[in-house]
Amino acid sequence: MRAIKPLFGTFLGAAAAALAALSILIAPAFAQDVKVPERTSAGSENWHPLPPGGPAPRTEDGHPDFSGVWFPNSAGRQIQSAYPIDRAARRQFDPEVTPEEKPVFIPGAEEKLKRQVPYGQCAIPATPGTLLQENSLTWPIQLFQSHGRFVMMIEYPMDFRIIHTDGRPHPKDPDPTFNGDSVAHWDGDTLVIDTISLDERAPDWGGWFHSDQEHVVERISRPSKNYLVYQVTIEDPVVLQKPWVSAPRKWSLSVVPDDDLEEFFCTTNEEPQEWQSQGRPEPTQIQRRNR
């Protein structure tokens, strides 16, 4: 579990107090053997940006190996907003150093920006919105790299992408999907992912909707062992006056050597008939983890 859940209720409070008292009695005997789990907020006031960690590992074919669990910050850990952490370790980029311009929309395209999100308040897995939204979220991605394939596993929203890196072109007429059709090639040590055929029902990061002519180019590099750099360019001649280019965003390698993803579902905690019968507004969506 990466987050600490509060205890509620009189019984649980009393039990917690009793356990705390017991721990005081036995702590001297076991203090030398106790280690704070990496997946908690304990000691977060001392978290700082990770060092580079040396050169990036490489695969047998000589390309940088992106495999691992990566967090959208510089701390190598999941960070909640309340953690008293070094600000430099929290962010993906410094807007004063690498400012990120806002998209410039074509006049009259406002209709595309006002659609209702079709699946409520839960985020829709989509390219490039899933990774771009992580600038304000905290959940990791896990990357796998093999000959001819690059795989992204995304904890929230639960999503995956399988991207071919064997030089094949896009299909002539691919069916639109939320993640689109992606193929990739190497530009030196940078993996360039080209995506087309994106479903118009999924909003891009920031809540604006694209057309069926959207074209997304993602560039991923690993300048050192502990860091990835992700940058995306979005072209859409129907919606955007010019291509939108994100700031280069840094992701850090998990400090837990055997780290893995957890299940994360976004759903409501009440059935619609329950809140409707009580005359209350629809509850907001909640996120549930399995542990």
Foldseek 3Di string as FASTA:
>chain_A
DLEDDDDDDPVRVVVVVVVVVVCVVCCVVCVVPDDDDPSYLPPQQPFDFDDLAFAADADPVGAGFPFAKWKQFRRLYFDDPPRNHDPNRLAFDDCVVFNFDDFAWDPPLVVQQPDDQPPAPAADDAPPALVVVSRVHGFIWGWHDDQQWIKIATQVPGDIDIEGAPPDDWDPDDAADRHAHWYWYDDDNKIKIKGARHDQSHDHHPRGTADNGKIKIWIWHRRGHFKIWIKMWIDGPNIGPDIGIGTTTIITGHPDPPDDHWHKDKADPDDPVVCVVVVHDDDHIDIDTPD
